[in-house]
Amino acid sequence: MLSSIIGLAAAEPERGLLYMFIYILGFSVPFFLFALFFTMFRRIHRYTSMIMKTGGMVMMGIGLLLITGKLAYVSAYLNNLFNFTGYL
């Protein structure tokens, strides 16, 4: 994704700063919002370790699918399951 932004910035140098700024905002704002509002939810703190362990297992599972080359099969299955046609 970043290489595409850099390529667009190289093609139109006058808009490169805008492209990079939008990319940085889109990437960082969700993390900042999560960090700000996570402490407000006291009920979630009890489950923090379980959430982190579950997230870690999901990441390891996706990594294993990437290494074995099976992620495309899972993607195709989910595409057929939800009947995604590519329209928003």
Protein backbone atom coordinates (compact mmCIF):
# COMPACT_ATOMS: atom_id res chain seq x y z
CA MET A 1 0.00 0.00 0.00
CA LEU A 2 2.75 2.42 0.93
CA SER A 3 4.58 1.70 -2.33
CA SER A 4 1.43 2.63 -4.25
CA ILE A 5 1.21 5.91 -2.36
CA ILE A 6 4.86 6.62 -3.05
CA GLY A 7 4.33 5.82 -6.73
CA LEU A 8 1.37 8.20 -6.91
CA ALA A 9 3.43 10.85 -5.12
CA ALA A 10 6.24 10.38 -7.65
CA ALA A 11 3.81 10.78 -10.53
CA GLU A 12 2.33 13.96 -9.06
CA PRO A 13 4.93 15.59 -6.78
CA GLU A 14 2.70 18.53 -5.90
CA ARG A 15 0.18 16.16 -4.35
CA GLY A 16 2.69 13.81 -2.75
CA LEU A 17 2.50 15.45 0.66
CA LEU A 18 -1.29 15.21 0.62
CA TYR A 19 -1.16 11.51 -0.31
CA MET A 20 1.31 10.74 2.46
CA PHE A 21 -0.64 12.78 5.02
CA ILE A 22 -3.87 10.94 4.23
CA TYR A 23 -2.05 7.60 4.39
CA ILE A 24 -0.55 8.42 7.79
CA LEU A 25 -3.90 9.61 9.15
CA GLY A 26 -5.71 6.53 7.91
CA PHE A 27 -3.09 4.29 9.46
CA SER A 28 -2.58 6.00 12.81
CA VAL A 29 -5.91 7.54 13.82
CA PRO A 30 -7.63 4.20 14.60
CA PHE A 31 -4.76 3.25 16.91
CA PHE A 32 -4.87 6.60 18.71
CA LEU A 33 -8.64 6.41 19.14
CA PHE A 34 -8.40 2.88 20.47
CA ALA A 35 -5.69 3.92 22.93
CA LEU A 36 -7.74 6.88 24.14
CA PHE A 37 -11.03 5.08 24.61
CA PHE A 38 -9.77 1.69 25.78
CA THR A 39 -9.16 2.94 29.31
CA MET A 40 -12.74 4.19 29.54
CA PHE A 41 -14.14 0.68 29.33
CA ARG A 42 -13.44 -0.76 32.77
CA ARG A 43 -15.40 -3.92 32.03
CA ILE A 44 -13.01 -4.86 29.25
CA HIS A 45 -9.96 -4.75 31.53
CA ARG A 46 -10.96 -8.08 33.05
CA TYR A 47 -10.72 -9.72 29.64
CA THR A 48 -7.58 -7.99 28.36
CA SER A 49 -5.33 -11.02 28.66
CA MET A 50 -7.89 -13.25 26.94
CA ILE A 51 -8.34 -10.71 24.13
CA MET A 52 -4.57 -10.46 23.62
CA LYS A 53 -4.11 -14.23 23.60
CA THR A 54 -6.98 -14.70 21.15
CA GLY A 55 -5.62 -11.98 18.89
CA GLY A 56 -2.18 -13.57 19.01
CA MET A 57 -3.59 -16.97 18.07
CA VAL A 58 -5.52 -15.43 15.16
CA MET A 59 -2.35 -13.71 13.94
CA MET A 60 -0.37 -16.96 14.20
CA GLY A 61 -3.12 -18.78 12.31
CA ILE A 62 -3.10 -16.24 9.50
CA GLY A 63 0.70 -16.39 9.42
CA LEU A 64 0.55 -20.16 9.11
CA LEU A 65 -1.95 -19.84 6.27
CA LEU A 66 0.38 -17.36 4.56
CA ILE A 67 3.41 -19.62 4.93
CA THR A 68 1.60 -22.68 3.62
CA GLY A 69 -0.07 -20.77 0.78
CA LYS A 70 -3.59 -21.67 1.92
CA LEU A 71 -4.77 -18.13 2.58
CA ALA A 72 -6.09 -17.84 -0.99
CA TYR A 73 -8.32 -20.87 -0.39
CA VAL A 74 -9.73 -19.35 2.79
CA SER A 75 -10.29 -16.07 0.97
CA ALA A 76 -12.11 -17.82 -1.89
CA TYR A 77 -14.24 -19.78 0.60
CA LEU A 78 -15.24 -16.62 2.46
CA ASN A 79 -15.93 -14.89 -0.85
CA ASN A 80 -18.33 -17.68 -1.84
CA LEU A 81 -19.84 -17.90 1.64
CA PHE A 82 -20.78 -14.23 1.79
CA ASN A 83 -21.47 -13.93 -1.95
CA PHE A 84 -19.23 -10.89 -2.33
CA THR A 85 -19.53 -9.42 -5.80
CA GLY A 86 -16.99 -6.62 -5.44
CA TYR A 87 -19.48 -3.76 -5.14
CA LEU A 88 -19.58 -1.51 -2.11
